[in-house]
Structure formats: structure tokens, C-alpha cells
C-alpha atoms as a PDB file:
ATOM      1  CA  MET A   1      16.405  25.066   5.076  1.00  0.00           C
ATOM      2  CA  LEU A   2      18.342  28.294   6.735  1.00  0.00           C
ATOM      3  CA  PRO A   3      15.797  30.735   8.602  1.00  0.00           C
ATOM      4  CA  ILE A   4      17.726  33.511   6.268  1.00  0.00           C
ATOM      5  CA  LEU A   5      16.572  31.314   2.705  1.00  0.00           C
ATOM      6  CA  LYS A   6      12.639  31.078   4.447  1.00  0.00           C
ATOM      7  CA  ARG A   7      12.350  34.528   5.060  1.00  0.00           C
ATOM      8  CA  PHE A   8      13.638  35.528   1.527  1.00  0.00           C
ATOM      9  CA  ILE A   9      11.321  32.872   0.135  1.00  0.00           C
ATOM     10  CA  ALA A  10       8.450  34.283   1.654  1.00  0.00           C
ATOM     11  CA  ILE A  11       9.079  37.741   1.199  1.00  0.00           C
ATOM     12  CA  PHE A  12       9.705  37.108  -2.562  1.00  0.00           C
ATOM     13  CA  LEU A  13       6.410  34.876  -2.679  1.00  0.00           C
ATOM     14  CA  LEU A  14       4.360  37.508  -0.826  1.00  0.00           C
ATOM     15  CA  PHE A  15       5.707  40.829  -2.408  1.00  0.00           C
ATOM     16  CA  GLY A  16       8.000  40.141  -5.556  1.00  0.00           C
ATOM     17  CA  VAL A  17       5.356  37.665  -7.192  1.00  0.00           C
ATOM     18  CA  PRO A  18       1.802  39.208  -6.773  1.00  0.00           C
ATOM     19  CA  SER A  19       1.658  41.421  -9.688  1.00  0.00           C
ATOM     20  CA  LEU A  20       3.224  38.552 -11.860  1.00  0.00           C
ATOM     21  CA  LEU A  21       1.115  35.821 -11.480  1.00  0.00           C
ATOM     22  CA  PRO A  22      -2.946  34.669 -11.457  1.00  0.00           C
ATOM     23  CA  GLY A  23      -4.476  34.769  -8.254  1.00  0.00           C
ATOM     24  CA  SER A  24      -4.736  31.185  -7.496  1.00  0.00           C
ATOM     25  CA  ILE A  25      -1.159  30.849  -8.019  1.00  0.00           C
ATOM     26  CA  VAL A  26      -0.553  33.651  -5.314  1.00  0.00           C
ATOM     27  CA  ARG A  27      -3.090  32.389  -3.197  1.00  0.00           C
ATOM     28  CA  ASP A  28      -1.241  28.607  -3.247  1.00  0.00           C
ATOM     29  CA  SER A  29       1.939  30.161  -2.513  1.00  0.00           C
ATOM     30  CA  VAL A  30       1.164  32.122   0.189  1.00  0.00           C
ATOM     31  CA  PHE A  31      -0.591  28.983   1.375  1.00  0.00           C
ATOM     32  CA  VAL A  32       2.610  26.986   0.750  1.00  0.00           C
ATOM     33  CA  VAL A  33       4.855  29.538   2.971  1.00  0.00           C
ATOM     34  CA  ARG A  34       2.647  29.875   5.870  1.00  0.00           C
ATOM     35  CA  LEU A  35       2.528  25.932   5.940  1.00  0.00           C
ATOM     36  CA  LEU A  36       6.184  26.127   6.126  1.00  0.00           C
ATOM     37  CA  PHE A  37       6.343  28.477   8.949  1.00  0.00           C
ATOM     38  CA  GLU A  38       3.123  26.917  10.863  1.00  0.00           C
ATOM     39  CA  LYS A  39       3.297  24.762  13.940  1.00  0.00           C
ATOM     40  CA  PRO A  40       2.858  21.456  13.642  1.00  0.00           C
ATOM     41  CA  PRO A  41      -0.489  19.939  15.514  1.00  0.00           C
ATOM     42  CA  THR A  42      -0.058  18.973  18.940  1.00  0.00           C
ATOM     43  CA  THR A  43      -3.247  16.354  18.192  1.00  0.00           C
ATOM     44  CA  LEU A  44      -4.403  14.797  14.718  1.00  0.00           C
ATOM     45  CA  PRO A  45      -7.840  12.985  13.990  1.00  0.00           C
ATOM     46  CA  VAL A  46      -7.975   9.209  13.391  1.00  0.00           C
ATOM     47  CA  PRO A  47      -7.680   9.265   9.322  1.00  0.00           C
ATOM     48  CA  VAL A  48     -10.047   6.141   9.029  1.00  0.00           C
ATOM     49  CA  ALA A  49     -13.682   6.659   8.961  1.00  0.00           C
ATOM     50  CA  GLY A  50     -15.338   4.984  12.064  1.00  0.00           C
ATOM     51  CA  VAL A  51     -12.238   4.421  13.836  1.00  0.00           C
ATOM     52  CA  LYS A  52     -11.831   5.860  17.168  1.00  0.00           C
ATOM     53  CA  PRO A  53      -8.623   6.630  18.783  1.00  0.00           C
ATOM     54  CA  ARG A  54      -9.530   4.229  21.475  1.00  0.00           C
ATOM     55  CA  ASN A  55      -9.301   1.398  19.133  1.00  0.00           C
ATOM     56  CA  LEU A  56      -5.697   1.958  17.593  1.00  0.00           C
ATOM     57  CA  GLN A  57      -3.224   0.300  18.577  1.00  0.00           C
ATOM     58  CA  ASP A  58       0.707   1.294  18.357  1.00  0.00           C
ATOM     59  CA  THR A  59       2.534  -0.800  15.724  1.00  0.00           C
ATOM     60  CA  TRP A  60       5.844   1.652  15.742  1.00  0.00           C
ATOM     61  CA  GLY A  61       8.939   0.587  15.804  1.00  0.00           C
ATOM     62  CA  ALA A  62       7.520  -3.489  15.478  1.00  0.00           C
ATOM     63  CA  ILE A  63      10.023  -6.098  13.102  1.00  0.00           C
ATOM     64  CA  ARG A  64       9.265  -6.220   9.611  1.00  0.00           C
ATOM     65  CA  SER A  65      11.024  -8.202   6.755  1.00  0.00           C
ATOM     66  CA  GLY A  66      14.638  -7.614   5.777  1.00  0.00           C
ATOM     67  CA  GLY A  67      15.080  -5.957   8.956  1.00  0.00           C
ATOM     68  CA  ARG A  68      13.233  -3.157   8.928  1.00  0.00           C
ATOM     69  CA  THR A  69      11.065  -1.414  11.399  1.00  0.00           C
ATOM     70  CA  HIS A  70       7.652  -0.168  11.467  1.00  0.00           C
ATOM     71  CA  GLU A  71       7.842   3.623  10.724  1.00  0.00           C
ATOM     72  CA  GLY A  72       3.988   4.308  11.456  1.00  0.00           C
ATOM     73  CA  ILE A  73       1.243   2.757  12.822  1.00  0.00           C
ATOM     74  CA  ASP A  74      -1.592   0.469  11.263  1.00  0.00           C
ATOM     75  CA  ILE A  75      -5.109   1.074  11.162  1.00  0.00           C
ATOM     76  CA  PHE A  76      -6.926  -2.155  10.590  1.00  0.00           C
ATOM     77  CA  ALA A  77     -10.665  -1.622   8.908  1.00  0.00           C
ATOM     78  CA  PRO A  78     -12.766  -3.112   6.375  1.00  0.00           C
ATOM     79  CA  LYS A  79     -11.381  -2.862   2.418  1.00  0.00           C
ATOM     80  CA  GLY A  80     -13.110   0.499   0.973  1.00  0.00           C
ATOM     81  CA  THR A  81     -13.762   2.324   4.143  1.00  0.00           C
ATOM     82  CA  PRO A  82     -12.703   6.202   3.563  1.00  0.00           C
ATOM     83  CA  VAL A  83      -9.385   7.277   4.556  1.00  0.00           C
ATOM     84  CA  HIS A  84      -9.460  11.257   5.343  1.00  0.00           C
ATOM     85  CA  SER A  85      -6.618  13.850   5.958  1.00  0.00           C
ATOM     86  CA  THR A  86      -5.607  14.371   9.430  1.00  0.00           C
ATOM     87  CA  THR A  87      -4.104  17.897   8.162  1.00  0.00           C
ATOM     88  CA  HIS A  88      -4.278  20.743   6.134  1.00  0.00           C
ATOM     89  CA  GLY A  89      -1.494  20.861   3.416  1.00  0.00           C
ATOM     90  CA  ILE A  90      -0.203  20.307  -0.076  1.00  0.00           C
ATOM     91  CA  VAL A  91      -0.381  16.841  -2.039  1.00  0.00           C
ATOM     92  CA  MET A  92       2.931  15.757  -2.672  1.00  0.00           C
ATOM     93  CA  ARG A  93       2.624  12.680  -3.806  1.00  0.00           C
ATOM     94  CA  VAL A  94       0.074  10.313  -5.500  1.00  0.00           C
ATOM     95  CA  GLY A  95       1.272   6.777  -6.988  1.00  0.00           C
ATOM     96  CA  GLN A  96       2.351   3.794  -6.196  1.00  0.00           C
ATOM     97  CA  ASN A  97       5.612   1.918  -4.747  1.00  0.00           C
ATOM     98  CA  ARG A  98       6.717  -1.536  -3.568  1.00  0.00           C
ATOM     99  CA  LEU A  99       6.166  -1.220   0.173  1.00  0.00           C
ATOM    100  CA  GLY A 100       3.274   0.731   0.405  1.00  0.00           C
ATOM    101  CA  GLY A 101       1.152   0.114  -3.123  1.00  0.00           C
ATOM    102  CA  ASN A 102      -0.922   2.647  -3.650  1.00  0.00           C
ATOM    103  CA  VAL A 103       0.189   5.779  -1.605  1.00  0.00           C
ATOM    104  CA  VAL A 104      -0.541   9.509  -0.860  1.00  0.00           C
ATOM    105  CA  SER A 105       1.670  11.964   0.779  1.00  0.00           C
ATOM    106  CA  VAL A 106       0.873  15.517   2.218  1.00  0.00           C
ATOM    107  CA  LEU A 107       3.262  17.679   3.513  1.00  0.00           C
ATOM    108  CA  GLY A 108       1.782  19.655   6.136  1.00  0.00           C
ATOM    109  CA  PRO A 109       2.486  22.548   8.974  1.00  0.00           C
ATOM    110  CA  GLY A 110       5.865  22.478   9.966  1.00  0.00           C
ATOM    111  CA  ARG A 111       7.168  20.992   6.781  1.00  0.00           C
ATOM    112  CA  ARG A 112       5.777  17.414   8.173  1.00  0.00           C
ATOM    113  CA  VAL A 113       5.045  14.523   5.657  1.00  0.00           C
ATOM    114  CA  HIS A 114       1.834  12.790   6.241  1.00  0.00           C
ATOM    115  CA  TYR A 115       2.266   9.292   4.144  1.00  0.00           C
ATOM    116  CA  TYR A 116      -0.868   7.004   3.650  1.00  0.00           C
ATOM    117  CA  ALA A 117      -0.535   3.599   1.958  1.00  0.00           C
ATOM    118  CA  HIS A 118      -2.037   0.459   1.277  1.00  0.00           C
ATOM    119  CA  PHE A 119      -5.065   2.152  -0.420  1.00  0.00           C
ATOM    120  CA  GLU A 120      -7.169  -0.138  -2.584  1.00  0.00           C
ATOM    121  CA  ARG A 121      -8.182   2.866  -4.444  1.00  0.00           C
ATOM    122  CA  VAL A 122      -7.199   6.639  -4.299  1.00  0.00           C
ATOM    123  CA  ALA A 123      -9.625   9.706  -4.668  1.00  0.00           C
ATOM    124  CA  PRO A 124      -9.411  11.997  -7.360  1.00  0.00           C
ATOM    125  CA  ILE A 125      -6.420  14.113  -5.991  1.00  0.00           C
ATOM    126  CA  ARG A 126      -3.277  15.083  -8.078  1.00  0.00           C
ATOM    127  CA  VAL A 127       0.177  16.342  -6.970  1.00  0.00           C
ATOM    128  CA  GLY A 128      -0.355  20.228  -6.006  1.00  0.00           C
ATOM    129  CA  ASP A 129      -4.006  19.925  -4.700  1.00  0.00           C
ATOM    130  CA  ILE A 130      -4.603  21.752  -0.999  1.00  0.00           C
ATOM    131  CA  VAL A 131      -5.987  19.586   1.291  1.00  0.00           C
ATOM    132  CA  TRP A 132      -8.011  20.106   4.431  1.00  0.00           C
ATOM    133  CA  PRO A 133      -8.495  17.464   7.599  1.00  0.00           C
ATOM    134  CA  GLY A 134     -11.406  15.607   6.699  1.00  0.00           C
ATOM    135  CA  ASP A 135     -10.693  15.804   2.867  1.00  0.00           C
ATOM    136  CA  LEU A 136     -11.247  12.342   1.170  1.00  0.00           C
ATOM    137  CA  LEU A 137      -7.945  10.897  -0.033  1.00  0.00           C
ATOM    138  CA  GLY A 138      -8.789   7.105  -0.660  1.00  0.00           C
ATOM    139  CA  TYR A 139      -9.975   3.768   0.439  1.00  0.00           C
ATOM    140  CA  VAL A 140      -8.450   1.191   2.876  1.00  0.00           C
ATOM    141  CA  GLY A 141      -6.748  -1.573   1.150  1.00  0.00           C
ATOM    142  CA  ASN A 142      -3.986  -3.974   1.284  1.00  0.00           C
ATOM    143  CA  THR A 143      -1.561  -3.020  -1.852  1.00  0.00           C
ATOM    144  CA  GLY A 144       2.076  -3.267  -2.012  1.00  0.00           C
ATOM    145  CA  ASN A 145       3.444  -5.677   0.996  1.00  0.00           C
ATOM    146  CA  ALA A 146       0.025  -5.625   2.762  1.00  0.00           C
ATOM    147  CA  ARG A 147      -1.287  -8.108  -0.030  1.00  0.00           C
ATOM    148  CA  THR A 148      -1.449 -11.182   2.437  1.00  0.00           C
ATOM    149  CA  THR A 149      -2.699  -8.911   5.343  1.00  0.00           C
ATOM    150  CA  PRO A 150      -6.083  -7.798   6.413  1.00  0.00           C
ATOM    151  CA  SER A 151      -7.049  -4.225   4.867  1.00  0.00           C
ATOM    152  CA  HIS A 152      -5.532  -1.885   6.693  1.00  0.00           C
ATOM    153  CA  LEU A 153      -4.235   2.114   6.298  1.00  0.00           C
ATOM    154  CA  HIS A 154      -0.306   2.465   7.411  1.00  0.00           C
ATOM    155  CA  TYR A 155      -0.079   6.167   8.673  1.00  0.00           C
ATOM    156  CA  GLY A 156       3.543   7.270   8.719  1.00  0.00           C
ATOM    157  CA  LEU A 157       4.844  10.647  10.081  1.00  0.00           C
ATOM    158  CA  TYR A 158       8.065  12.236   8.789  1.00  0.00           C
ATOM    159  CA  LEU A 159       9.881  15.154   9.947  1.00  0.00           C
ATOM    160  CA  PRO A 160      11.845  17.446   7.622  1.00  0.00           C
ATOM    161  CA  GLY A 161      14.669  15.744   6.484  1.00  0.00           C
ATOM    162  CA  GLY A 162      12.898  12.526   6.321  1.00  0.00           C
ATOM    163  CA  ARG A 163      13.106  11.192  10.064  1.00  0.00           C
ATOM    164  CA  ALA A 164      10.007   9.003  11.018  1.00  0.00           C
ATOM    165  CA  ILE A 165       8.204   9.641  14.150  1.00  0.00           C
ATOM    166  CA  ASN A 166       5.629   7.945  15.949  1.00  0.00           C
ATOM    167  CA  PRO A 167       2.085   9.484  15.049  1.00  0.00           C
ATOM    168  CA  PHE A 168       0.584   6.986  17.340  1.00  0.00           C
ATOM    169  CA  PRO A 169       0.652   9.677  20.656  1.00  0.00           C
ATOM    170  CA  LEU A 170      -0.888  12.383  17.935  1.00  0.00           C
ATOM    171  CA  LEU A 171      -3.965  10.360  17.016  1.00  0.00           C
ATOM    172  CA  ALA A 172      -4.373   8.457  20.218  1.00  0.00           C
ATOM    173  CA  GLY A 173      -4.522  12.258  22.008  1.00  0.00           C
ATOM    174  CA  ASN A 174      -7.801  13.103  20.450  1.00  0.00           C
END
């Protein structure tokens, strides 16, 4: 997004709308604007309960079916293990897709999208909810194209524009 457009949106949301909208919408609007301008964190907590950074394996770039490469890391854990948000942000997607099965996407600081996939089941969250680090997103599973693999969380991180980056260094840096 162009810097001038970002400034216009921020000014409009901060000064042009408050008298017209209920308080929760104003707070959410301010939160979203802050999120857009905030720098992304340099480290992230491991999203799967009980998994330590030293137990992670960097599966970024591994060869996958159809000539794809792995755009994230797999964090293996028993089915049903809680998965928590790594960052504060806005829930952008709760649903299903062919590869990820049951998925959740969170827009975090710096407009980075945190993508969680293969949930056994998703927590009671909805698109538009604000989440904080440690908030429950769902439970480890093996849905989507992971039906024949051990249960795990696929965790991906995407820059504005959709380019994937390796989340392993951010998770392992803790």
C-alpha cells in the first residue's frame, strides 16, 4: 500500500470516524491501523503447547507433491495438542482448504500473515476477532493433505504481497 494512502486511512480512522461509530469499532479500527504500521517481531513463541524451540526442525523448502516446495515448517505433536497464536493480530480466515485442511490465518504486525494449518479442530474464533500471543486457535491434527502423516501444525509466514518467508529462525530464536 502506498505510504500516502496508509496515512490517509490512519487519519480518517483516527479522526474522521470516531463520532460516527460505536466504541468497539473505533477501538478495532485503531488496532488495525496500529497493526499496519507496527514493525514485525524479531522472535516468535512456538505456537504448539509443550514444544520447545530446540525441538523444532527446519522443514522450509522441502520438496512436496506437484513440484511444490514447503512454505513453512511442520511442528509435530500429538493430535489434540493446543495451538496458540504467535502474535497479536486480526483473524483473517477460519475455514478449510485442500492442502491445509482446517486452517486459520492471522494478520499480524507489519502486515505479515501467520498461517496455521492441519487443525484437528479450530477454537471458537471468527474472522475479525482480535487475538493476542497465547490465545487458543485450535488443536493439532492431520487434515487436508496431511491425512496420511503424523499429526502436526503447519506454520507459515507471509509478507505483504503473499511471498512466504521461513518462520524457523523467528521461532528458534527464543
